[in-house]
N, C-alpha and C. Protein backbone atom coordinates (compact mmCIF):
# COMPACT_ATOMS: atom_id res chain seq x y z
N MET A 1 36.63 105.24 56.56
CA MET A 1 37.14 106.30 57.37
C MET A 1 37.42 105.83 58.79
N ASN A 2 36.54 105.10 59.31
CA ASN A 2 36.68 104.60 60.66
C ASN A 2 37.92 103.71 60.80
N THR A 3 38.22 102.95 59.81
CA THR A 3 39.39 102.07 59.80
C THR A 3 40.67 102.88 59.80
N LYS A 4 40.67 103.98 59.04
CA LYS A 4 41.85 104.84 59.00
C LYS A 4 42.12 105.45 60.37
N LYS A 5 41.07 105.88 61.02
CA LYS A 5 41.23 106.45 62.37
C LYS A 5 41.76 105.41 63.35
N THR A 6 41.26 104.21 63.25
CA THR A 6 41.69 103.13 64.13
C THR A 6 43.17 102.82 63.90
N VAL A 7 43.57 102.73 62.66
CA VAL A 7 44.98 102.47 62.33
C VAL A 7 45.84 103.62 62.84
N TYR A 8 45.38 104.84 62.59
CA TYR A 8 46.12 106.01 63.02
C TYR A 8 46.29 106.03 64.55
N VAL A 9 45.22 105.77 65.28
CA VAL A 9 45.26 105.74 66.74
C VAL A 9 46.20 104.62 67.21
N CYS A 10 46.11 103.47 66.55
CA CYS A 10 46.99 102.34 66.92
C CYS A 10 48.45 102.70 66.70
N LEU A 11 48.75 103.33 65.56
CA LEU A 11 50.14 103.74 65.28
C LEU A 11 50.61 104.78 66.29
N LEU A 12 49.75 105.72 66.59
CA LEU A 12 50.09 106.74 67.57
C LEU A 12 50.34 106.12 68.94
N LEU A 13 49.50 105.21 69.33
CA LEU A 13 49.64 104.52 70.61
C LEU A 13 50.92 103.69 70.65
N MET A 14 51.20 102.98 69.57
CA MET A 14 52.41 102.16 69.51
C MET A 14 53.66 103.03 69.57
N SER A 15 53.64 104.16 68.88
CA SER A 15 54.81 105.03 68.91
C SER A 15 55.00 105.64 70.31
N PHE A 16 53.88 105.96 70.97
CA PHE A 16 53.96 106.47 72.33
C PHE A 16 54.55 105.41 73.27
N LEU A 17 54.05 104.20 73.17
CA LEU A 17 54.55 103.11 74.01
C LEU A 17 56.01 102.82 73.74
N TYR A 18 56.40 102.85 72.48
CA TYR A 18 57.79 102.62 72.12
C TYR A 18 58.69 103.69 72.73
N SER A 19 58.25 104.95 72.67
CA SER A 19 59.08 106.03 73.22
C SER A 19 59.15 105.93 74.74
N CYS A 20 58.09 105.50 75.38
CA CYS A 20 58.10 105.32 76.83
C CYS A 20 59.03 104.17 77.22
N LYS A 21 59.01 103.13 76.44
CA LYS A 21 59.85 101.97 76.72
C LYS A 21 61.32 102.31 76.50
N LYS A 22 61.60 103.15 75.51
CA LYS A 22 62.97 103.49 75.18
C LYS A 22 63.60 104.37 76.26
N GLU A 23 62.85 105.25 76.87
CA GLU A 23 63.38 106.19 77.86
C GLU A 23 64.07 105.51 79.03
N PRO A 24 63.47 104.50 79.68
CA PRO A 24 64.17 103.88 80.80
C PRO A 24 65.50 103.26 80.39
N LEU A 25 65.62 102.75 79.16
CA LEU A 25 66.88 102.18 78.72
C LEU A 25 67.97 103.25 78.71
N GLU A 26 67.65 104.45 78.20
CA GLU A 26 68.61 105.54 78.21
C GLU A 26 68.95 105.93 79.65
N SER A 27 67.94 105.95 80.49
CA SER A 27 68.13 106.29 81.89
C SER A 27 69.02 105.26 82.58
N ASN A 28 68.79 103.98 82.31
CA ASN A 28 69.61 102.92 82.90
C ASN A 28 71.06 103.04 82.45
N LYS A 29 71.26 103.41 81.18
CA LYS A 29 72.61 103.57 80.67
C LYS A 29 73.31 104.70 81.42
N GLN A 30 72.59 105.79 81.65
CA GLN A 30 73.15 106.93 82.38
C GLN A 30 73.49 106.52 83.81
N ILE A 31 72.60 105.79 84.45
CA ILE A 31 72.85 105.32 85.82
C ILE A 31 74.09 104.44 85.85
N SER A 32 74.24 103.57 84.87
CA SER A 32 75.40 102.69 84.79
C SER A 32 76.69 103.49 84.65
N ILE A 33 76.67 104.52 83.81
CA ILE A 33 77.85 105.37 83.63
C ILE A 33 78.16 106.10 84.93
N GLU A 34 77.13 106.65 85.57
CA GLU A 34 77.34 107.35 86.83
C GLU A 34 77.84 106.40 87.90
N SER A 35 77.33 105.17 87.92
CA SER A 35 77.77 104.16 88.87
C SER A 35 79.25 103.87 88.70
N SER A 36 79.68 103.70 87.46
CA SER A 36 81.09 103.44 87.17
C SER A 36 81.96 104.60 87.62
N LYS A 37 81.49 105.82 87.35
CA LYS A 37 82.23 107.01 87.75
C LYS A 37 82.33 107.08 89.27
N ASN A 38 81.22 106.76 89.96
CA ASN A 38 81.23 106.78 91.42
C ASN A 38 82.20 105.74 91.98
N GLU A 39 82.27 104.57 91.35
CA GLU A 39 83.20 103.53 91.79
C GLU A 39 84.64 104.00 91.63
N ILE A 40 84.93 104.65 90.50
CA ILE A 40 86.28 105.17 90.26
C ILE A 40 86.60 106.25 91.29
N ASP A 41 85.65 107.15 91.54
CA ASP A 41 85.84 108.20 92.53
C ASP A 41 86.05 107.60 93.92
N LYS A 42 85.26 106.59 94.27
CA LYS A 42 85.37 105.93 95.57
C LYS A 42 86.75 105.27 95.70
N ASP A 43 87.16 104.57 94.66
CA ASP A 43 88.46 103.90 94.64
C ASP A 43 89.59 104.91 94.85
N ALA A 44 89.53 106.01 94.12
CA ALA A 44 90.55 107.06 94.24
C ALA A 44 90.54 107.68 95.64
N ALA A 45 89.36 107.87 96.21
CA ALA A 45 89.26 108.46 97.55
C ALA A 45 89.86 107.52 98.61
N ILE A 46 89.60 106.22 98.46
CA ILE A 46 90.15 105.25 99.41
C ILE A 46 91.66 105.19 99.27
N GLN A 47 92.16 105.16 98.05
CA GLN A 47 93.61 105.13 97.84
C GLN A 47 94.27 106.37 98.41
N LYS A 48 93.65 107.52 98.23
CA LYS A 48 94.18 108.77 98.78
C LYS A 48 94.21 108.70 100.31
N MET A 49 93.13 108.20 100.90
CA MET A 49 93.06 108.08 102.36
C MET A 49 94.17 107.15 102.88
N LEU A 50 94.36 106.02 102.21
CA LEU A 50 95.39 105.07 102.66
C LEU A 50 96.79 105.65 102.52
N LYS A 51 97.05 106.36 101.44
CA LYS A 51 98.37 107.00 101.28
C LYS A 51 98.59 108.04 102.36
N GLU A 52 97.55 108.80 102.65
CA GLU A 52 97.66 109.82 103.70
C GLU A 52 97.93 109.15 105.04
N PHE A 53 97.15 108.11 105.36
CA PHE A 53 97.34 107.41 106.63
C PHE A 53 98.76 106.89 106.74
N TYR A 54 99.21 106.14 105.75
CA TYR A 54 100.54 105.52 105.84
C TYR A 54 101.66 106.56 105.83
N SER A 55 101.52 107.62 105.10
CA SER A 55 102.56 108.67 105.10
C SER A 55 102.67 109.32 106.47
N VAL A 56 101.54 109.70 107.03
CA VAL A 56 101.54 110.34 108.35
C VAL A 56 101.97 109.35 109.42
N TYR A 57 101.49 108.12 109.31
CA TYR A 57 101.79 107.10 110.31
C TYR A 57 103.27 106.75 110.32
N ILE A 58 103.84 106.50 109.15
CA ILE A 58 105.27 106.16 109.08
C ILE A 58 106.13 107.31 109.58
N LYS A 59 105.76 108.52 109.19
CA LYS A 59 106.51 109.70 109.64
C LYS A 59 106.51 109.78 111.17
N GLU A 60 105.34 109.58 111.77
CA GLU A 60 105.25 109.65 113.23
C GLU A 60 105.91 108.44 113.90
N PHE A 61 105.83 107.29 113.26
CA PHE A 61 106.42 106.06 113.81
C PHE A 61 107.94 106.17 113.91
N THR A 62 108.53 107.00 113.05
CA THR A 62 109.98 107.18 113.09
C THR A 62 110.40 108.28 114.07
N ASN A 63 109.45 108.98 114.65
CA ASN A 63 109.74 110.04 115.62
C ASN A 63 110.45 109.45 116.83
N GLU A 64 111.55 110.06 117.21
CA GLU A 64 112.36 109.54 118.32
C GLU A 64 111.83 109.95 119.69
N LYS A 65 110.91 110.90 119.74
CA LYS A 65 110.30 111.31 121.00
C LYS A 65 109.17 110.33 121.29
N ILE A 66 109.47 109.26 121.99
CA ILE A 66 108.57 108.12 122.13
C ILE A 66 107.22 108.48 122.75
N ALA A 67 107.21 109.17 123.87
CA ALA A 67 105.93 109.48 124.53
C ALA A 67 105.05 110.34 123.63
N GLU A 68 105.62 111.35 123.03
CA GLU A 68 104.88 112.24 122.13
C GLU A 68 104.40 111.45 120.91
N SER A 69 105.26 110.61 120.39
CA SER A 69 104.94 109.82 119.21
C SER A 69 103.79 108.85 119.47
N GLU A 70 103.81 108.20 120.62
CA GLU A 70 102.74 107.24 120.95
C GLU A 70 101.38 107.90 121.01
N ARG A 71 101.32 109.11 121.59
CA ARG A 71 100.05 109.84 121.65
C ARG A 71 99.57 110.19 120.24
N LYS A 72 100.48 110.65 119.41
CA LYS A 72 100.11 111.03 118.05
C LYS A 72 99.71 109.80 117.24
N LEU A 73 100.42 108.69 117.41
CA LEU A 73 100.07 107.47 116.69
C LEU A 73 98.67 107.00 117.09
N ASP A 74 98.37 107.07 118.39
CA ASP A 74 97.03 106.70 118.85
C ASP A 74 95.97 107.57 118.19
N SER A 75 96.24 108.85 118.11
CA SER A 75 95.31 109.80 117.49
C SER A 75 95.11 109.49 116.00
N ILE A 76 96.20 109.19 115.31
CA ILE A 76 96.14 108.85 113.89
C ILE A 76 95.33 107.57 113.70
N GLU A 77 95.59 106.57 114.53
CA GLU A 77 94.87 105.30 114.43
C GLU A 77 93.37 105.50 114.65
N ILE A 78 93.01 106.30 115.64
CA ILE A 78 91.59 106.55 115.93
C ILE A 78 90.92 107.25 114.75
N LYS A 79 91.62 108.16 114.11
CA LYS A 79 91.06 108.91 112.97
C LYS A 79 90.85 108.00 111.76
N PHE A 80 91.77 107.08 111.50
CA PHE A 80 91.75 106.32 110.25
C PHE A 80 91.28 104.87 110.38
N CYS A 81 91.07 104.38 111.60
CA CYS A 81 90.75 102.96 111.78
C CYS A 81 89.46 102.78 112.58
N THR A 82 88.84 101.61 112.38
CA THR A 82 87.63 101.30 113.14
C THR A 82 88.01 100.93 114.57
N LYS A 83 87.09 101.14 115.47
CA LYS A 83 87.31 100.79 116.87
C LYS A 83 87.54 99.28 117.01
N SER A 84 86.80 98.48 116.25
CA SER A 84 86.95 97.03 116.37
C SER A 84 88.36 96.58 115.94
N LEU A 85 88.93 97.20 114.92
CA LEU A 85 90.31 96.86 114.52
C LEU A 85 91.28 97.23 115.63
N LEU A 86 91.15 98.42 116.19
CA LEU A 86 92.06 98.86 117.24
C LEU A 86 91.92 97.99 118.49
N ASP A 87 90.70 97.60 118.83
CA ASP A 87 90.48 96.70 119.97
C ASP A 87 91.13 95.34 119.72
N SER A 88 91.02 94.85 118.51
CA SER A 88 91.60 93.56 118.14
C SER A 88 93.14 93.60 118.25
N ILE A 89 93.74 94.67 117.74
CA ILE A 89 95.20 94.81 117.81
C ILE A 89 95.64 94.93 119.26
N SER A 90 94.93 95.72 120.03
CA SER A 90 95.26 95.88 121.46
C SER A 90 95.20 94.54 122.18
N ASN A 91 94.17 93.76 121.88
CA ASN A 91 94.00 92.43 122.48
C ASN A 91 95.17 91.51 122.11
N GLU A 92 95.59 91.57 120.85
CA GLU A 92 96.71 90.72 120.41
C GLU A 92 98.00 91.11 121.12
N PHE A 93 98.23 92.40 121.32
CA PHE A 93 99.42 92.84 122.05
C PHE A 93 99.36 92.39 123.51
N GLU A 94 98.19 92.53 124.13
CA GLU A 94 98.03 92.14 125.53
C GLU A 94 98.29 90.66 125.75
N HIS A 95 97.96 89.84 124.77
CA HIS A 95 98.15 88.39 124.89
C HIS A 95 99.43 87.91 124.21
N ASN A 96 100.35 88.85 123.97
CA ASN A 96 101.66 88.55 123.37
C ASN A 96 101.55 87.80 122.05
N GLU A 97 100.53 88.08 121.29
CA GLU A 97 100.37 87.45 119.98
C GLU A 97 101.02 88.28 118.88
N LEU A 98 101.37 89.52 119.20
CA LEU A 98 102.03 90.41 118.25
C LEU A 98 103.33 90.93 118.86
N ASP A 99 104.41 90.89 118.08
CA ASP A 99 105.66 91.48 118.55
C ASP A 99 106.18 92.50 117.53
N TYR A 100 105.27 93.00 116.69
CA TYR A 100 105.60 93.99 115.68
C TYR A 100 104.37 94.88 115.47
N ASN A 101 104.57 95.98 114.78
CA ASN A 101 103.47 96.87 114.48
C ASN A 101 102.73 96.34 113.25
N PRO A 102 101.45 95.98 113.39
CA PRO A 102 100.73 95.37 112.27
C PRO A 102 100.43 96.33 111.11
N PHE A 103 100.48 97.62 111.36
CA PHE A 103 100.21 98.58 110.29
C PHE A 103 101.35 98.62 109.27
N VAL A 104 102.58 98.36 109.74
CA VAL A 104 103.74 98.39 108.84
C VAL A 104 104.45 97.03 108.78
N LYS A 105 103.96 96.07 109.53
CA LYS A 105 104.55 94.72 109.60
C LYS A 105 106.04 94.79 109.94
N ALA A 106 106.36 95.63 110.93
CA ALA A 106 107.76 95.79 111.34
C ALA A 106 107.80 96.32 112.76
N GLN A 107 109.00 96.23 113.37
CA GLN A 107 109.18 96.77 114.72
C GLN A 107 109.65 98.22 114.68
N ASP A 108 110.22 98.63 113.58
CA ASP A 108 110.62 100.02 113.40
C ASP A 108 110.33 100.42 111.96
N ALA A 109 110.59 101.68 111.64
CA ALA A 109 110.23 102.17 110.30
C ALA A 109 111.31 103.10 109.77
N SER A 110 111.24 103.37 108.49
CA SER A 110 112.16 104.28 107.83
C SER A 110 111.36 105.28 107.00
N LEU A 111 111.77 106.52 107.02
CA LEU A 111 111.10 107.54 106.22
C LEU A 111 111.19 107.23 104.72
N ASP A 112 112.19 106.46 104.31
CA ASP A 112 112.33 106.07 102.90
C ASP A 112 111.11 105.29 102.40
N TRP A 113 110.42 104.63 103.29
CA TRP A 113 109.25 103.84 102.90
C TRP A 113 108.19 104.71 102.24
N ILE A 114 108.06 105.93 102.71
CA ILE A 114 107.04 106.84 102.17
C ILE A 114 107.27 107.09 100.68
N GLU A 115 108.54 107.21 100.28
CA GLU A 115 108.87 107.46 98.87
C GLU A 115 108.44 106.31 97.96
N THR A 116 108.43 105.09 98.48
CA THR A 116 108.11 103.92 97.65
C THR A 116 106.70 103.39 97.91
N LEU A 117 105.95 104.09 98.70
CA LEU A 117 104.61 103.67 99.09
C LEU A 117 103.66 103.63 97.89
N THR A 118 103.00 102.50 97.69
CA THR A 118 101.98 102.39 96.64
C THR A 118 100.72 101.76 97.24
N VAL A 119 99.60 102.13 96.66
CA VAL A 119 98.32 101.58 97.09
C VAL A 119 97.56 101.17 95.84
N SER A 120 97.05 99.94 95.84
CA SER A 120 96.25 99.47 94.70
C SER A 120 95.13 98.58 95.21
N ARG A 121 94.01 98.62 94.49
CA ARG A 121 92.88 97.78 94.86
C ARG A 121 93.19 96.35 94.46
N LEU A 122 92.87 95.41 95.33
CA LEU A 122 93.05 93.99 95.01
C LEU A 122 91.96 93.59 94.03
N SER A 123 92.33 92.88 92.98
CA SER A 123 91.35 92.51 91.97
C SER A 123 90.29 91.59 92.57
N GLY A 124 89.08 91.80 92.10
CA GLY A 124 87.96 90.99 92.56
C GLY A 124 87.35 91.46 93.87
N SER A 125 87.82 92.59 94.39
CA SER A 125 87.27 93.09 95.65
C SER A 125 87.13 94.60 95.57
N GLU A 126 86.00 95.10 96.02
CA GLU A 126 85.82 96.55 95.96
C GLU A 126 86.34 97.26 97.20
N ASN A 127 86.60 96.54 98.28
CA ASN A 127 87.03 97.23 99.50
C ASN A 127 88.34 96.71 100.08
N LYS A 128 89.09 95.91 99.32
CA LYS A 128 90.38 95.41 99.80
C LYS A 128 91.49 95.99 98.94
N PHE A 129 92.52 96.47 99.62
CA PHE A 129 93.62 97.16 98.95
C PHE A 129 94.95 96.59 99.40
N ASN A 130 95.93 96.70 98.51
CA ASN A 130 97.28 96.30 98.83
C ASN A 130 98.11 97.56 99.03
N VAL A 131 98.67 97.70 100.23
CA VAL A 131 99.58 98.80 100.53
C VAL A 131 100.97 98.19 100.52
N GLN A 132 101.87 98.80 99.76
CA GLN A 132 103.20 98.22 99.63
C GLN A 132 104.26 99.31 99.72
N TYR A 133 105.37 98.96 100.36
CA TYR A 133 106.52 99.85 100.40
C TYR A 133 107.78 99.00 100.25
N LEU A 134 108.84 99.65 99.82
CA LEU A 134 110.11 98.97 99.61
C LEU A 134 111.10 99.41 100.67
N ASP A 135 111.74 98.45 101.30
CA ASP A 135 112.81 98.74 102.26
C ASP A 135 114.09 98.84 101.44
N LYS A 136 114.62 100.04 101.30
CA LYS A 136 115.79 100.26 100.45
C LYS A 136 117.03 99.53 100.96
N TYR A 137 117.11 99.32 102.27
CA TYR A 137 118.30 98.68 102.82
C TYR A 137 118.33 97.18 102.52
N SER A 138 117.20 96.52 102.69
CA SER A 138 117.15 95.07 102.45
C SER A 138 116.73 94.75 101.01
N GLY A 139 116.08 95.71 100.36
CA GLY A 139 115.58 95.48 99.00
C GLY A 139 114.27 94.71 98.99
N ASN A 140 113.71 94.43 100.18
CA ASN A 140 112.46 93.67 100.28
C ASN A 140 111.24 94.59 100.23
N ALA A 141 110.23 94.11 99.55
CA ALA A 141 108.96 94.83 99.52
C ALA A 141 108.05 94.22 100.59
N THR A 142 107.34 95.07 101.29
CA THR A 142 106.38 94.64 102.29
C THR A 142 104.99 94.99 101.79
N SER A 143 104.09 94.00 101.85
CA SER A 143 102.70 94.21 101.44
C SER A 143 101.78 94.03 102.63
N ILE A 144 100.85 94.92 102.75
CA ILE A 144 99.82 94.83 103.79
C ILE A 144 98.48 94.87 103.07
N HIS A 145 97.67 93.85 103.28
CA HIS A 145 96.32 93.84 102.69
C HIS A 145 95.38 94.50 103.68
N VAL A 146 94.74 95.53 103.22
CA VAL A 146 93.91 96.39 104.06
C VAL A 146 92.47 96.35 103.55
N THR A 147 91.54 96.17 104.48
CA THR A 147 90.12 96.26 104.15
C THR A 147 89.63 97.61 104.64
N VAL A 148 88.89 98.30 103.78
CA VAL A 148 88.37 99.63 104.10
C VAL A 148 86.85 99.58 104.05
N ILE A 149 86.22 100.18 105.05
CA ILE A 149 84.76 100.28 105.05
C ILE A 149 84.36 101.76 105.14
N ASN A 150 83.12 102.01 104.81
CA ASN A 150 82.56 103.34 104.94
C ASN A 150 81.81 103.36 106.27
N GLU A 151 82.33 104.12 107.21
CA GLU A 151 81.72 104.21 108.54
C GLU A 151 81.18 105.62 108.72
N LYS A 152 79.87 105.74 108.62
CA LYS A 152 79.19 107.03 108.78
C LYS A 152 79.73 108.08 107.81
N GLY A 153 79.96 107.65 106.57
CA GLY A 153 80.41 108.58 105.54
C GLY A 153 81.92 108.80 105.49
N ILE A 154 82.67 108.09 106.33
CA ILE A 154 84.12 108.24 106.37
C ILE A 154 84.76 106.88 106.11
N PHE A 155 85.73 106.83 105.19
CA PHE A 155 86.43 105.59 104.94
C PHE A 155 87.40 105.31 106.08
N LYS A 156 87.32 104.06 106.59
CA LYS A 156 88.19 103.66 107.69
C LYS A 156 88.75 102.27 107.44
N ILE A 157 89.95 102.05 107.95
CA ILE A 157 90.59 100.73 107.86
C ILE A 157 89.93 99.82 108.86
N SER A 158 89.43 98.66 108.39
CA SER A 158 88.71 97.75 109.30
C SER A 158 89.45 96.45 109.54
N SER A 159 90.43 96.12 108.70
CA SER A 159 91.25 94.94 108.96
C SER A 159 92.56 95.01 108.20
N LEU A 160 93.53 94.26 108.71
CA LEU A 160 94.88 94.19 108.14
C LEU A 160 95.27 92.72 108.02
N LYS A 161 95.98 92.41 106.93
CA LYS A 161 96.51 91.05 106.78
C LYS A 161 97.87 91.13 106.15
């Protein structure tokens, strides 16, 4: 009788331990699925932010009221870009290292660019994206590699290449 109780207790204990061990595996699987979903959501949010930035920026960049446009462009840049990026661009302009707008890689812009604007994540990187538009007049595509960071819960452009 004593042996039966011992075997029974051992089986009960083993089944309990097995069920405890199995639970974290299910939990880890759920975390992995949620992680993947969060990455997809993050990717989509960054792409949406970049499309919004470039659409608004290009539209304002084509504004012929220069003084008004410059104020609005500054405001757009502050909203969507890190201070360090803006300081770096300002420094490059001051030292005559830039003779074009680095956000669009051009000296002027066309509203047609907005229609062909695409944003895609660069493979192998979670925070680098390719922003591309087509110049309908020349037929050339322009690509800007953009790095995006999360700054206090807000996605911001931190570098351009």
